[in-house]
Amino acid sequence: MKAIVKSEPGPGLEVLSVKEPKLGSRDVLIKVRVTGICGTDLHIYNWDEWSANRVKPPLILGHEFCGDVVEIGPEVTKVAVGDYVSAECHMACEQCYQCKTGQPHICSNVKVCGIDRHGAYATYVSIPEQFIWKLADDISPEIAAIFDPIGNAVYTVLSGDVAGTTVGIIGCGPIGLAAIPIARASGATCVTGFDISDYRLKMAEGAMGADYVIDSSKVDPLTAAKDITKSVGFDVVLEMSGHPSGINNAFKMVRAGGRVSLLGLPKSAVSVDLANDIVLKGITVLGIHGRRMFDTWYQTTRMIQSGRVDLTPLITHQMKFEEVDKAMEIMSSGRCGKVLLHPE
């Protein structure tokens, strides 16, 4: 089969012909329709320090996808050949404390598809039955392929009360952009996006429907937040950038008693004014990792099917597997929303 492979340590990827995956007794073999590029895939493509310490080549990348079931293992009971599916690619061990107490999304021994095991940048991918998510036919393959990052946005937005709130979103990458219509559909009265990319700010204000957008490289974001909220501060701040200044700004622009949900991952330790910006303000701070299994998947499906959340404009590029180098260049430029790859 065709696959996008990190063959050896170092920058770059290759499109190769490799053996089809073997099927375990509880596994499901899926013919991939569409895949999405994640920022993690870009890190692995560039082979940064994190990738060098985590990824063990040779490895097929990819954890955002959808496809059709073509074969099932002998012990599979809840998935059938012909089912249209995606999958939760943070594969929990089902045995650790977190898994046993209803928190598999923060499993201590998680194995991520396309990072710790072969992924979905291939003609076929094998996924254990318990991580399969069946899709309705009215959900387009392009949207179905990015349920993983949409789920990140849904979980970040809905990790606390949203109805009737003012929301600030720091970082308008694809997940931050997706969070805008999700917050609006969840009852937010005003949504403001902060970024330094003119391309993504235009997307945020236009297709995604933000009430205000702020270029933090040109306007002081704290002054803007103060003006927009009439000096109260945002009820909710979603930190999607992972940049130290973005994280500090999140704590400063949220109102006393408000909520900050942190999804962005900084590259190193971040210094914050814990006393003044967190403790004395009495704010709620939540770390967001992955998606809740499978609460978030149900919420995401219902939002998409309701028609109140249209994420089609988020998809800006669709390319072939053979164009993966060009796709990664586009990702690196930041002048894109979601970039999709098609095996055929």
Protein backbone atom coordinates (compact mmCIF):
# COMPACT_ATOMS: atom_id res chain seq x y z
CA MET A 1 0.00 0.00 0.00
CA LYS A 2 0.98 3.66 -0.30
CA ALA A 3 2.11 5.43 2.89
CA ILE A 4 3.83 8.62 4.08
CA VAL A 5 6.75 7.42 6.16
CA LYS A 6 9.39 8.88 8.45
CA SER A 7 12.02 6.38 7.34
CA GLU A 8 14.90 7.53 9.51
CA PRO A 9 15.83 10.28 11.97
CA GLY A 10 16.11 13.72 10.34
CA PRO A 11 13.96 16.21 8.43
CA GLY A 12 11.53 15.18 5.71
CA LEU A 13 9.11 12.39 4.83
CA GLU A 14 8.84 9.85 2.01
CA VAL A 15 5.91 8.40 0.10
CA LEU A 16 6.66 4.68 -0.07
CA SER A 17 5.09 1.35 -0.93
CA VAL A 18 4.84 -0.66 2.30
CA LYS A 19 3.10 -3.80 3.54
CA GLU A 20 -0.53 -3.53 4.58
CA PRO A 21 -1.06 -3.62 8.36
CA LYS A 22 -1.68 -6.94 10.08
CA LEU A 23 -5.05 -7.35 11.73
CA GLY A 24 -5.32 -8.45 15.37
CA SER A 25 -8.34 -10.31 16.69
CA ARG A 26 -10.00 -7.08 17.97
CA ASP A 27 -8.71 -4.81 15.21
CA VAL A 28 -10.54 -3.05 12.39
CA LEU A 29 -8.93 -2.46 8.97
CA ILE A 30 -9.95 0.86 7.44
CA LYS A 31 -9.43 2.08 3.89
CA VAL A 32 -8.52 5.73 4.36
CA ARG A 33 -10.51 8.38 2.47
CA VAL A 34 -8.98 11.63 3.77
CA THR A 35 -6.36 12.64 6.33
CA GLY A 36 -5.58 15.93 8.05
CA ILE A 37 -2.17 17.42 8.84
CA CYS A 38 -1.65 18.27 12.51
CA GLY A 39 0.96 20.61 13.96
CA THR A 40 2.49 17.51 15.54
CA ASP A 41 3.04 16.06 12.06
CA LEU A 42 4.90 19.24 11.12
CA HIS A 43 7.13 18.85 14.19
CA ILE A 44 7.95 15.30 13.12
CA TYR A 45 8.54 16.43 9.53
CA ASN A 46 11.03 19.06 10.73
CA TRP A 47 12.49 16.61 13.26
CA ASP A 48 12.74 18.97 16.23
CA GLU A 49 13.99 18.06 19.71
CA TRP A 50 10.61 16.72 20.83
CA SER A 51 10.34 14.46 17.76
CA ALA A 52 13.87 13.14 18.18
CA ASN A 53 13.10 12.17 21.77
CA ARG A 54 9.67 10.62 21.10
CA VAL A 55 9.43 9.14 17.61
CA LYS A 56 11.13 5.88 16.62
CA PRO A 57 11.46 5.55 12.81
CA PRO A 58 10.47 3.92 10.58
CA LEU A 59 6.95 5.20 11.25
CA ILE A 60 3.82 5.93 9.21
CA LEU A 61 2.49 9.31 10.37
CA GLY A 62 -1.07 10.59 10.69
CA HIS A 63 -3.76 10.61 13.37
CA GLU A 64 -6.53 12.70 11.74
CA PHE A 65 -8.54 10.67 9.22
CA CYS A 66 -11.75 9.02 8.14
CA GLY A 67 -12.43 6.00 6.00
CA ASP A 68 -14.41 2.81 5.43
CA VAL A 69 -14.09 -0.51 7.23
CA VAL A 70 -12.95 -3.24 4.83
CA GLU A 71 -12.08 -6.04 7.26
CA ILE A 72 -12.59 -6.90 10.94
CA GLY A 73 -10.85 -9.24 13.37
CA PRO A 74 -12.65 -12.39 14.58
CA GLU A 75 -13.46 -10.89 18.03
CA VAL A 76 -14.87 -7.58 16.72
CA THR A 77 -18.57 -7.26 17.55
CA LYS A 78 -19.59 -3.58 17.31
CA VAL A 79 -18.07 -2.59 13.95
CA ALA A 80 -18.98 -4.05 10.55
CA VAL A 81 -17.46 -4.09 7.10
CA GLY A 82 -18.77 -1.05 5.22
CA ASP A 83 -19.04 1.23 8.27
CA TYR A 84 -17.94 4.83 7.70
CA VAL A 85 -15.63 5.69 10.59
CA SER A 86 -12.99 7.83 12.23
CA ALA A 87 -11.11 6.97 15.42
CA GLU A 88 -9.85 8.30 18.73
CA CYS A 89 -6.14 8.04 18.07
CA HIS A 90 -5.05 8.67 21.67
CA MET A 91 -5.19 4.98 22.50
CA ALA A 92 -5.65 4.47 26.22
CA CYS A 93 -4.26 1.43 28.02
CA GLU A 94 -7.57 0.77 29.83
CA GLN A 95 -5.64 -0.41 32.92
CA CYS A 96 -4.08 2.64 34.62
CA TYR A 97 -5.67 4.71 37.42
CA GLN A 98 -6.97 7.36 35.00
CA CYS A 99 -8.53 4.78 32.68
CA LYS A 100 -10.14 2.91 35.57
CA THR A 101 -11.65 6.12 36.98
CA GLY A 102 -13.24 7.50 33.81
CA GLN A 103 -10.37 9.68 32.55
CA PRO A 104 -8.86 7.69 29.64
CA HIS A 105 -8.13 10.92 27.76
CA ILE A 106 -5.24 11.46 30.21
CA CYS A 107 -4.13 7.81 30.29
CA SER A 108 -0.70 7.34 31.87
CA ASN A 109 0.35 4.89 29.15
CA VAL A 110 -1.32 6.42 26.09
CA LYS A 111 -0.10 5.35 22.65
CA VAL A 112 -0.82 7.89 19.92
CA CYS A 113 -1.50 6.70 16.40
CA GLY A 114 1.07 8.18 14.01
CA ILE A 115 3.49 8.91 16.88
CA ASP A 116 3.85 5.76 18.98
CA ARG A 117 2.42 3.32 16.42
CA HIS A 118 1.80 3.37 12.67
CA GLY A 119 -0.77 5.96 11.65
CA ALA A 120 -3.28 6.87 8.98
CA TYR A 121 -1.15 8.48 6.26
CA ALA A 122 -1.65 5.29 4.27
CA THR A 123 -4.07 3.45 2.04
CA TYR A 124 -5.08 1.34 5.03
CA VAL A 125 -4.82 1.74 8.81
CA SER A 126 -5.53 -0.80 11.55
CA ILE A 127 -7.30 0.48 14.69
CA PRO A 128 -8.48 -1.46 17.77
CA GLU A 129 -12.28 -1.71 17.82
CA GLN A 130 -12.72 0.19 21.11
CA PHE A 131 -11.30 3.38 19.59
CA ILE A 132 -13.49 3.42 16.48
CA TRP A 133 -16.04 6.23 16.06
CA LYS A 134 -18.87 5.48 13.63
CA LEU A 135 -19.86 8.39 11.41
CA ALA A 136 -23.19 9.38 9.97
CA ASP A 137 -23.40 9.65 6.18
CA ASP A 138 -24.44 13.33 6.40
CA ILE A 139 -20.99 14.29 7.72
CA SER A 140 -18.64 15.04 4.82
CA PRO A 141 -15.33 13.13 4.65
CA GLU A 142 -13.41 16.43 4.82
CA ILE A 143 -15.02 17.33 8.16
CA ALA A 144 -14.98 13.74 9.42
CA ALA A 145 -11.22 13.60 8.80
CA ILE A 146 -10.63 16.45 11.26
CA PHE A 147 -12.88 15.33 14.13
CA ASP A 148 -9.70 14.99 16.23
CA PRO A 149 -8.74 18.71 16.20
CA ILE A 150 -12.39 19.81 16.15
CA GLY A 151 -12.75 17.72 19.30
CA ASN A 152 -9.85 19.64 20.86
CA ALA A 153 -11.73 22.87 20.19
CA VAL A 154 -15.04 21.50 21.50
CA TYR A 155 -13.43 20.20 24.70
CA THR A 156 -11.57 23.47 25.31
CA VAL A 157 -14.69 25.59 24.79
CA LEU A 158 -17.04 23.35 26.79
CA SER A 159 -14.70 22.69 29.72
CA GLY A 160 -16.79 25.29 31.61
CA ASP A 161 -19.87 27.49 31.23
CA VAL A 162 -20.03 29.38 27.94
CA ALA A 163 -23.61 30.61 27.60
CA GLY A 164 -23.90 34.36 28.04
CA THR A 165 -20.13 34.86 28.32
CA THR A 166 -17.46 36.97 26.64
CA VAL A 167 -14.71 34.76 25.22
CA GLY A 168 -11.14 35.61 24.25
CA ILE A 169 -9.23 33.14 22.07
CA ILE A 170 -5.45 33.52 22.04
CA GLY A 171 -3.97 31.84 18.96
CA CYS A 172 -6.02 31.52 15.77
CA GLY A 173 -4.45 28.39 14.37
CA PRO A 174 -6.90 25.77 13.08
CA ILE A 175 -8.10 24.75 16.56
CA GLY A 176 -8.44 28.35 17.71
CA LEU A 177 -10.35 29.18 14.53
CA ALA A 178 -12.68 26.20 15.06
CA ALA A 179 -13.33 27.36 18.62
CA ILE A 180 -14.91 30.61 17.38
CA PRO A 181 -18.13 29.19 15.85
CA ILE A 182 -18.25 26.50 18.54
CA ALA A 183 -18.23 29.18 21.26
CA ARG A 184 -20.90 31.19 19.40
CA ALA A 185 -23.11 28.11 18.98
CA SER A 186 -22.67 27.39 22.70
CA GLY A 187 -24.10 30.77 23.66
CA ALA A 188 -21.09 33.10 23.91
CA THR A 189 -22.23 36.70 23.44
CA CYS A 190 -18.91 38.06 22.18
CA VAL A 191 -15.87 36.21 20.80
CA THR A 192 -12.51 37.90 20.23
CA GLY A 193 -9.55 36.32 18.43
CA PHE A 194 -5.92 37.28 19.09
CA ASP A 195 -3.06 36.36 16.76
CA ILE A 196 -0.16 37.90 14.83
CA SER A 197 -1.02 36.36 11.42
CA ASP A 198 -3.01 38.65 9.15
CA TYR A 199 -4.13 35.60 7.14
CA ARG A 200 -5.62 33.83 10.14
CA LEU A 201 -7.09 36.98 11.64
CA LYS A 202 -8.95 37.57 8.37
CA MET A 203 -10.25 33.99 8.56
CA ALA A 204 -11.25 34.52 12.19
CA GLU A 205 -13.20 37.69 11.45
CA GLY A 206 -14.64 36.58 8.14
CA ALA A 207 -15.49 32.92 7.62
CA MET A 208 -15.34 31.90 11.29
CA GLY A 209 -17.41 34.80 12.65
CA ALA A 210 -15.38 36.43 15.45
CA ASP A 211 -16.85 39.69 16.74
CA TYR A 212 -13.39 41.27 17.09
CA VAL A 213 -9.89 40.31 16.00
CA ILE A 214 -6.71 41.77 17.45
CA ASP A 215 -3.25 41.69 15.89
CA SER A 216 -1.12 41.38 19.02
CA SER A 217 1.99 42.47 17.10
CA LYS A 218 0.39 45.85 16.38
CA VAL A 219 -2.03 46.45 19.25
CA ASP A 220 -1.49 45.83 22.96
CA PRO A 221 -3.75 42.82 23.59
CA LEU A 222 -4.40 43.74 27.23
CA THR A 223 -5.56 47.23 26.31
CA ALA A 224 -7.77 45.76 23.57
CA ALA A 225 -9.25 43.24 26.00
CA LYS A 226 -9.96 46.01 28.50
CA ASP A 227 -11.70 48.11 25.84
CA ILE A 228 -13.79 45.23 24.46
CA THR A 229 -14.95 44.06 27.90
CA LYS A 230 -15.45 47.58 29.32
CA SER A 231 -12.62 47.02 31.82
CA VAL A 232 -14.21 43.84 33.28
CA GLY A 233 -12.04 41.25 31.52
CA PHE A 234 -13.17 38.22 29.53
CA ASP A 235 -15.35 35.69 31.32
CA VAL A 236 -13.51 32.90 29.49
CA VAL A 237 -10.07 32.85 27.85
CA LEU A 238 -8.99 29.94 25.66
CA GLU A 239 -5.20 29.83 25.29
CA MET A 240 -4.37 28.06 22.02
CA SER A 241 -0.94 29.49 21.17
CA GLY A 242 1.37 27.94 23.76
CA HIS A 243 3.51 31.07 23.59
CA PRO A 244 4.73 32.39 26.97
CA SER A 245 3.36 35.88 26.29
CA GLY A 246 0.02 34.40 25.21
CA ILE A 247 -0.20 32.35 28.40
CA ASN A 248 0.59 35.35 30.59
CA ASN A 249 -1.86 37.52 28.66
CA ALA A 250 -4.56 34.89 29.20
CA PHE A 251 -4.24 35.18 32.96
CA LYS A 252 -4.16 38.98 32.82
CA MET A 253 -7.12 39.51 30.48
CA VAL A 254 -9.53 37.10 32.19
CA ARG A 255 -11.84 38.72 34.74
CA ALA A 256 -11.63 37.94 38.45
CA GLY A 257 -13.53 34.71 38.97
CA GLY A 258 -13.29 33.79 35.29
CA ARG A 259 -11.93 30.70 33.53
CA VAL A 260 -8.75 30.08 31.55
CA SER A 261 -8.53 26.85 29.55
CA LEU A 262 -5.01 26.02 28.38
CA LEU A 263 -4.60 23.92 25.22
CA GLY A 264 -1.39 25.38 23.70
CA LEU A 265 1.86 23.65 24.64
CA PRO A 266 4.88 25.87 25.42
CA LYS A 267 8.31 24.57 24.44
CA SER A 268 9.71 25.11 27.94
CA ALA A 269 8.73 26.24 31.45
CA VAL A 270 6.73 29.48 31.64
CA SER A 271 6.94 32.02 34.45
CA VAL A 272 3.59 33.47 35.59
CA ASP A 273 2.52 35.88 38.33
CA LEU A 274 0.75 33.20 40.33
CA ALA A 275 -0.27 35.45 43.22
CA ASN A 276 -1.74 38.39 41.33
CA ASP A 277 -3.00 36.77 38.14
CA ILE A 278 -4.37 33.47 39.47
CA VAL A 279 -4.72 33.15 43.25
CA LEU A 280 -5.92 36.65 44.15
CA LYS A 281 -8.19 36.78 41.08
CA GLY A 282 -9.84 33.52 42.11
CA ILE A 283 -9.83 32.18 38.57
CA THR A 284 -10.34 28.61 37.38
CA VAL A 285 -7.44 27.21 35.33
CA LEU A 286 -7.94 24.04 33.31
CA GLY A 287 -5.38 22.03 31.38
CA ILE A 288 -6.89 20.55 28.21
CA HIS A 289 -5.43 17.41 26.64
CA GLY A 290 -6.99 15.54 23.75
CA ARG A 291 -10.71 14.88 23.92
CA ARG A 292 -12.91 13.25 26.55
CA MET A 293 -13.69 9.71 25.44
CA PHE A 294 -16.28 9.68 24.15
CA ASP A 295 -18.23 12.63 25.57
CA THR A 296 -16.48 15.08 23.25
CA TRP A 297 -17.08 12.89 20.20
CA TYR A 298 -20.84 12.93 20.85
CA GLN A 299 -20.79 16.71 21.37
CA THR A 300 -18.78 17.26 18.19
CA THR A 301 -21.08 15.07 16.12
CA ARG A 302 -24.20 16.84 17.38
CA MET A 303 -22.75 20.28 16.75
CA ILE A 304 -21.82 19.42 13.17
CA GLN A 305 -25.15 17.72 12.44
CA SER A 306 -27.14 20.60 13.95
CA GLY A 307 -25.92 22.91 11.19
CA ARG A 308 -25.14 25.59 13.78
CA VAL A 309 -21.39 25.01 13.44
CA ASP A 310 -20.03 25.18 9.89
CA LEU A 311 -16.35 24.34 9.79
CA THR A 312 -16.06 23.89 6.04
CA PRO A 313 -14.30 27.27 5.62
CA LEU A 314 -11.60 25.99 7.98
CA ILE A 315 -10.37 23.67 5.20
CA THR A 316 -8.18 25.76 2.90
CA HIS A 317 -6.03 23.20 1.07
CA GLN A 318 -6.56 19.65 -0.23
CA MET A 319 -3.62 17.79 -1.73
CA LYS A 320 -2.33 14.35 -2.72
CA PHE A 321 0.01 12.23 -0.59
CA GLU A 322 2.71 12.87 -3.18
CA GLU A 323 2.49 16.61 -2.42
CA VAL A 324 3.34 16.18 1.27
CA ASP A 325 6.47 18.38 1.05
CA LYS A 326 4.46 21.23 -0.47
CA ALA A 327 1.74 20.70 2.14
CA MET A 328 4.28 20.98 4.97
CA GLU A 329 5.67 24.18 3.43
CA ILE A 330 2.16 25.64 3.46
CA MET A 331 1.73 24.55 7.07
CA SER A 332 5.05 26.17 8.01
CA SER A 333 4.00 29.46 6.41
CA GLY A 334 0.93 29.72 8.64
CA ARG A 335 -1.09 30.97 5.68
CA CYS A 336 -3.65 28.20 5.85
CA GLY A 337 -6.42 26.67 7.86
CA LYS A 338 -6.60 22.89 7.82
CA VAL A 339 -4.56 21.12 5.13
CA LEU A 340 -5.94 17.74 4.01
CA LEU A 341 -4.11 14.91 2.25
CA HIS A 342 -5.77 12.32 0.02
CA PRO A 343 -4.20 8.88 -0.55
CA GLU A 344 -5.88 8.65 -3.97
